[in-house]
Amino acid sequence: MQLRALAAALAATAAILSSGALAAPIVFSSAGAGAADLTATVDAFRAVLGANLGAAPNPTHSPGRREINWDAGAALDGVADPNLMPGNQFNGLASPFARGAQFATPGSGFMISRRCAQDGQTFPCGGSDILLGMGPAAGNNVNFRAFSAERIFTPIGSNIMDVRFAVPGSAGVTASTRAFGAVFLDVEVANLTTMEFFDASSASLGVFGVPVAPDGGFSFLGVQFGGGERVARVRLTLGDMSVLAHGQFSDLRNDLVALDDFIYAEPAAVPEPATWALLAIGAAALVRRRRRR
């Protein structure tokens, strides 16, 4: 009876995962001129995901959330502007970088802004309102401010980046999540800045537009999947321009966008749909074999 129940449960799970009959995702979205305009939405997204599990390994895979705000103090000074930050910076084995997130881009890499302390607190320093030599003092209408002081973040050489997940603190154990959100800086044109979610088979779970904010303002988009979907990759498209290097950006088009906080549900290693199906088939075969006996 136990084998029969196991086979039935696994078969039902496989059917659900392959049926496409999944609940609609829950979208958290807001924009405004100041960081405070996002607070209620961001806090609601955090509350849905659960407690912040910090930056250390999580061997018990407790439910909750992870956050990246690029502000790990002096620990990030060596990979800040003008240096490139490695894509695996936040997929480390120990605190403060065991957060289970891995980044990739078609461009040349990633860059975070400098702390003001790195520049002797002399304005314009690389903190809350300047990235890579650009900001209100640069005279080029690029107006980035930090949502959480004081660093901000961007891919270099491309306006596209991908986020993949691993079990935090593991030796690269592939994982997935049920929710992901990000703060976007200076989104001024509708339908150019988006997030697209993919499952482990690279099937799209949907494309979601980031709301437009006033010049120099803040936007937040978070998406929670509650129908059994697991997110293996998130593609962020930032406007239609890109930062090329310190103080340089691509040909003038419509919108140059940067990033601040990432917030996502705790990544966990889970069986893929094909694995569930194989387990169900195997369990059913065991039931049949036992019946013959």
Protein backbone atom coordinates (compact mmCIF):
# COMPACT_ATOMS: atom_id res chain seq x y z
CA MET A 1 0.00 0.00 0.00
CA GLN A 2 2.83 2.38 0.75
CA LEU A 3 4.37 1.83 -2.69
CA ARG A 4 0.99 2.31 -4.36
CA ALA A 5 0.44 5.57 -2.46
CA LEU A 6 3.94 6.77 -3.34
CA ALA A 7 3.40 6.01 -7.01
CA ALA A 8 0.08 7.82 -7.01
CA ALA A 9 1.52 10.88 -5.28
CA LEU A 10 4.51 11.07 -7.60
CA ALA A 11 2.36 10.58 -10.68
CA ALA A 12 0.05 13.35 -9.54
CA THR A 13 2.98 15.66 -8.93
CA ALA A 14 4.40 14.93 -12.37
CA ALA A 15 1.01 15.59 -13.94
CA ILE A 16 0.68 18.92 -12.18
CA LEU A 17 4.18 20.00 -13.18
CA SER A 18 3.60 19.09 -16.81
CA SER A 19 0.01 20.22 -17.19
CA GLY A 20 0.61 23.98 -17.41
CA ALA A 21 -2.44 24.49 -15.14
CA LEU A 22 -0.58 26.75 -12.76
CA ALA A 23 -1.75 29.65 -10.65
CA ALA A 24 -1.17 33.15 -11.99
CA PRO A 25 1.97 34.79 -10.60
CA ILE A 26 1.59 37.56 -8.04
CA VAL A 27 3.18 40.82 -9.16
CA PHE A 28 4.49 43.50 -6.78
CA SER A 29 5.11 46.75 -8.64
CA SER A 30 5.61 50.41 -7.75
CA ALA A 31 7.56 53.51 -8.79
CA GLY A 32 8.20 56.99 -7.47
CA ALA A 33 10.50 59.97 -7.21
CA GLY A 34 12.00 58.86 -3.91
CA ALA A 35 13.09 55.60 -2.32
CA ALA A 36 10.32 55.96 0.26
CA ASP A 37 7.74 55.63 -2.53
CA LEU A 38 8.75 51.98 -2.92
CA THR A 39 8.89 51.07 0.76
CA ALA A 40 5.39 49.65 1.19
CA THR A 41 5.62 47.46 -1.91
CA VAL A 42 9.14 46.22 -1.19
CA ASP A 43 8.23 45.44 2.43
CA ALA A 44 5.12 43.55 1.28
CA PHE A 45 7.25 41.45 -1.07
CA ARG A 46 9.73 40.75 1.71
CA ALA A 47 6.93 39.72 4.08
CA VAL A 48 5.54 37.22 1.56
CA LEU A 49 8.97 35.59 1.14
CA GLY A 50 9.77 35.34 4.85
CA ALA A 51 12.68 36.19 7.11
CA ASN A 52 15.96 37.48 5.70
CA LEU A 53 18.46 34.61 5.94
CA GLY A 54 21.44 36.93 5.59
CA ALA A 55 24.68 36.16 3.79
CA ALA A 56 25.83 32.86 5.28
CA PRO A 57 25.32 29.25 4.08
CA ASN A 58 21.98 27.61 4.81
CA PRO A 59 22.54 23.86 5.14
CA THR A 60 19.01 23.27 6.40
CA HIS A 61 17.39 25.09 3.44
CA SER A 62 15.06 27.02 5.72
CA PRO A 63 12.37 28.97 3.87
CA GLY A 64 12.86 32.69 3.74
CA ARG A 65 14.62 35.19 1.51
CA ARG A 66 18.01 36.52 0.43
CA GLU A 67 18.91 40.11 -0.43
CA ILE A 68 21.80 41.72 -2.28
CA ASN A 69 22.22 45.47 -1.86
CA TRP A 70 25.88 45.71 -3.00
CA ASP A 71 26.81 47.30 0.32
CA ALA A 72 29.06 44.72 2.00
CA GLY A 73 31.40 47.51 3.06
CA ALA A 74 35.12 47.25 2.41
CA ALA A 75 34.72 43.61 1.36
CA LEU A 76 33.64 44.88 -2.08
CA ASP A 77 36.13 47.71 -2.45
CA GLY A 78 38.51 45.60 -4.56
CA VAL A 79 35.83 44.78 -7.13
CA ALA A 80 34.27 48.24 -7.29
CA ASP A 81 34.56 50.86 -10.04
CA PRO A 82 36.80 50.97 -12.08
CA ASN A 83 37.32 47.21 -11.59
CA LEU A 84 34.90 44.58 -12.80
CA MET A 85 32.99 42.50 -10.26
CA PRO A 86 33.07 38.72 -10.92
CA GLY A 87 29.74 37.20 -11.86
CA ASN A 88 30.10 34.65 -9.02
CA GLN A 89 30.81 37.28 -6.34
CA PHE A 90 27.56 36.48 -4.52
CA ASN A 91 27.74 32.74 -5.01
CA GLY A 92 30.46 32.19 -2.44
CA LEU A 93 30.96 29.46 0.12
CA ALA A 94 31.00 31.73 3.17
CA SER A 95 29.60 34.98 4.56
CA PRO A 96 29.18 37.71 3.37
CA PHE A 97 28.87 36.29 -0.15
CA ALA A 98 27.05 32.96 0.30
CA ARG A 99 23.82 34.20 -1.21
CA GLY A 100 23.23 31.68 -3.98
CA ALA A 101 23.16 34.08 -6.93
CA GLN A 102 25.28 33.88 -10.09
CA PHE A 103 25.32 36.58 -12.79
CA ALA A 104 26.06 36.48 -16.52
CA THR A 105 25.86 39.03 -19.34
CA PRO A 106 26.60 39.19 -23.08
CA GLY A 107 28.73 42.20 -22.19
CA SER A 108 32.16 42.34 -20.57
CA GLY A 109 31.14 41.99 -16.93
CA PHE A 110 29.61 43.88 -14.01
CA MET A 111 30.48 46.96 -12.00
CA ILE A 112 29.42 48.37 -8.66
CA SER A 113 29.94 51.98 -7.64
CA ARG A 114 32.55 53.04 -5.12
CA ARG A 115 31.88 53.89 -1.51
CA CYS A 116 32.42 57.52 -0.59
CA ALA A 117 34.94 56.30 1.98
CA GLN A 118 37.10 55.06 -0.89
CA ASP A 119 37.28 58.60 -2.23
CA GLY A 120 37.94 60.44 0.99
CA GLN A 121 34.30 61.50 1.28
CA THR A 122 35.00 64.09 -1.44
CA PHE A 123 32.08 64.90 -3.72
CA PRO A 124 31.35 63.58 -6.26
CA CYS A 125 32.25 60.29 -4.66
CA GLY A 126 31.03 56.91 -5.81
CA GLY A 127 28.13 56.52 -3.49
CA SER A 128 24.48 57.38 -3.30
CA ASP A 129 24.11 59.55 -6.38
CA ILE A 130 26.89 58.71 -8.80
CA LEU A 131 27.85 55.56 -10.69
CA LEU A 132 30.95 55.18 -12.84
CA GLY A 133 31.49 58.91 -13.05
CA MET A 134 27.88 59.71 -13.93
CA GLY A 135 25.22 61.43 -11.92
CA PRO A 136 23.65 64.84 -11.23
CA ALA A 137 27.06 66.52 -11.38
CA ALA A 138 28.00 64.93 -14.71
CA GLY A 139 25.85 67.21 -16.84
CA ASN A 140 24.62 64.39 -19.09
CA ASN A 141 21.13 63.83 -17.61
CA VAL A 142 22.12 60.46 -16.16
CA ASN A 143 20.62 60.64 -12.74
CA PHE A 144 21.26 57.53 -10.64
CA ARG A 145 20.62 57.49 -6.91
CA ALA A 146 20.87 54.55 -4.54
CA PHE A 147 17.77 52.92 -3.07
CA SER A 148 19.85 51.54 -0.18
CA ALA A 149 22.99 53.56 0.40
CA GLU A 150 25.41 53.58 -0.92
CA ARG A 151 26.46 51.35 -3.83
CA ILE A 152 24.57 50.64 -7.02
CA PHE A 153 25.18 48.12 -9.81
CA THR A 154 25.14 47.59 -13.58
CA PRO A 155 26.24 45.17 -16.29
CA ILE A 156 29.00 46.56 -18.51
CA GLY A 157 28.90 46.54 -22.30
CA SER A 158 25.32 45.26 -22.45
CA ASN A 159 21.88 46.18 -21.17
CA ILE A 160 21.09 42.50 -20.50
CA MET A 161 22.01 40.27 -17.59
CA ASP A 162 20.92 36.86 -16.31
CA VAL A 163 20.58 35.73 -12.70
CA ARG A 164 20.87 32.01 -11.92
CA PHE A 165 20.69 30.35 -8.53
CA ALA A 166 22.63 27.88 -6.38
CA VAL A 167 22.11 26.51 -2.90
CA PRO A 168 23.74 29.25 -0.74
CA GLY A 169 27.13 28.16 0.51
CA SER A 170 27.20 24.97 -1.55
CA ALA A 171 29.87 23.96 -4.02
CA GLY A 172 27.77 25.12 -6.95
CA VAL A 173 24.67 22.97 -6.34
CA THR A 174 22.16 24.22 -8.92
CA ALA A 175 18.98 25.61 -7.37
CA SER A 176 15.80 27.46 -8.22
CA THR A 177 13.56 29.95 -6.48
CA ARG A 178 9.88 30.80 -6.31
CA ALA A 179 10.18 34.60 -6.35
CA PHE A 180 12.54 37.36 -7.45
CA GLY A 181 12.42 41.15 -7.33
CA ALA A 182 14.73 44.07 -8.06
CA VAL A 183 14.98 47.83 -7.66
CA PHE A 184 15.58 49.69 -10.94
CA LEU A 185 17.05 53.18 -11.18
CA ASP A 186 15.91 55.93 -13.57
CA VAL A 187 13.40 53.94 -15.67
CA GLU A 188 11.92 56.66 -17.90
CA VAL A 189 10.50 54.82 -20.94
CA ALA A 190 7.71 52.24 -20.81
CA ASN A 191 8.20 48.67 -22.09
CA LEU A 192 11.99 48.85 -22.47
CA THR A 193 12.98 47.57 -19.02
CA THR A 194 11.68 44.08 -18.24
CA MET A 195 12.22 40.88 -16.29
CA GLU A 196 11.67 37.48 -17.92
CA PHE A 197 11.53 34.30 -15.86
CA PHE A 198 12.59 30.82 -17.02
CA ASP A 199 12.25 27.36 -15.53
CA ALA A 200 14.96 24.69 -15.53
CA SER A 201 14.05 23.61 -19.07
CA SER A 202 14.49 27.23 -20.29
CA ALA A 203 10.75 27.58 -20.89
CA SER A 204 9.60 31.15 -20.30
CA LEU A 205 7.34 31.73 -17.32
CA GLY A 206 6.49 35.24 -18.52
CA VAL A 207 7.84 38.70 -19.31
CA PHE A 208 6.98 41.50 -16.87
CA GLY A 209 7.44 45.22 -17.48
CA VAL A 210 9.10 47.49 -14.93
CA PRO A 211 7.02 50.60 -14.10
CA VAL A 212 8.20 54.03 -15.24
CA ALA A 213 9.43 56.48 -12.60
CA PRO A 214 10.10 60.24 -12.69
CA ASP A 215 13.53 61.37 -13.87
CA GLY A 216 16.10 60.03 -11.43
CA GLY A 217 13.44 58.02 -9.64
CA PHE A 218 13.03 54.45 -8.44
CA SER A 219 11.04 51.44 -9.68
CA PHE A 220 10.44 48.05 -8.11
CA LEU A 221 9.22 44.85 -9.70
CA GLY A 222 8.86 41.57 -7.84
CA VAL A 223 7.15 38.41 -9.05
CA GLN A 224 6.11 35.46 -6.89
CA PHE A 225 5.14 32.11 -8.44
CA GLY A 226 2.73 30.11 -6.34
CA GLY A 227 1.54 27.37 -8.67
CA GLY A 228 4.48 25.01 -8.36
CA GLU A 229 6.70 26.81 -10.87
CA ARG A 230 10.39 27.05 -10.03
CA VAL A 231 12.52 29.86 -11.43
CA ALA A 232 15.97 28.78 -12.58
CA ARG A 233 16.91 31.98 -14.40
CA VAL A 234 15.81 35.60 -14.51
CA ARG A 235 16.74 37.82 -17.47
CA LEU A 236 16.84 41.55 -16.75
CA THR A 237 16.73 43.94 -19.72
CA LEU A 238 17.70 47.48 -18.73
CA GLY A 239 16.38 50.10 -21.12
CA ASP A 240 18.08 50.23 -24.53
CA MET A 241 21.48 51.66 -23.57
CA SER A 242 24.44 50.30 -21.63
CA VAL A 243 27.35 51.49 -19.52
CA LEU A 244 30.66 50.83 -21.29
CA ALA A 245 33.18 51.91 -18.65
CA HIS A 246 33.70 54.54 -15.98
CA GLY A 247 31.86 57.64 -17.17
CA GLN A 248 31.05 56.17 -20.59
CA PHE A 249 27.84 54.80 -22.04
CA SER A 250 26.64 53.52 -25.39
CA ASP A 251 25.21 55.66 -28.18
CA LEU A 252 22.38 57.88 -27.01
CA ARG A 253 19.02 56.18 -27.50
CA ASN A 254 16.02 56.24 -25.16
CA ASP A 255 16.83 55.05 -21.66
CA LEU A 256 19.86 54.12 -19.54
CA VAL A 257 18.90 52.12 -16.44
CA ALA A 258 20.91 50.82 -13.48
CA LEU A 259 20.08 48.53 -10.53
CA ASP A 260 20.06 48.40 -6.78
CA ASP A 261 18.62 45.80 -4.39
CA PHE A 262 17.87 42.20 -5.43
CA ILE A 263 15.36 40.31 -3.25
CA TYR A 264 14.52 36.64 -3.83
CA ALA A 265 13.13 33.58 -2.11
CA GLU A 266 15.72 31.20 -0.68
CA PRO A 267 17.19 29.13 -3.54
CA ALA A 268 16.68 25.41 -3.06
CA ALA A 269 17.76 22.32 -4.97
CA VAL A 270 14.58 20.64 -6.21
CA PRO A 271 13.83 17.73 -8.55
CA GLU A 272 13.08 18.87 -12.07
CA PRO A 273 9.78 17.80 -13.70
CA ALA A 274 11.55 15.04 -15.65
CA THR A 275 12.97 13.68 -12.41
CA TRP A 276 9.53 13.57 -10.82
CA ALA A 277 8.17 11.73 -13.82
CA LEU A 278 10.97 9.16 -13.69
CA LEU A 279 10.39 8.63 -9.98
CA ALA A 280 6.68 8.11 -10.61
CA ILE A 281 7.38 5.58 -13.37
CA GLY A 282 9.85 3.75 -11.16
CA ALA A 283 7.45 3.62 -8.23
CA ALA A 284 4.63 2.38 -10.47
CA ALA A 285 6.92 -0.36 -11.80
CA LEU A 286 7.69 -1.46 -8.24
CA VAL A 287 3.97 -1.68 -7.50
CA ARG A 288 3.38 -3.84 -10.57
CA ARG A 289 6.33 -6.10 -9.71
CA ARG A 290 5.01 -6.55 -6.16
CA ARG A 291 1.56 -7.47 -7.50
CA ARG A 292 3.05 -10.21 -9.71
CA ARG A 293 4.72 -11.69 -6.68
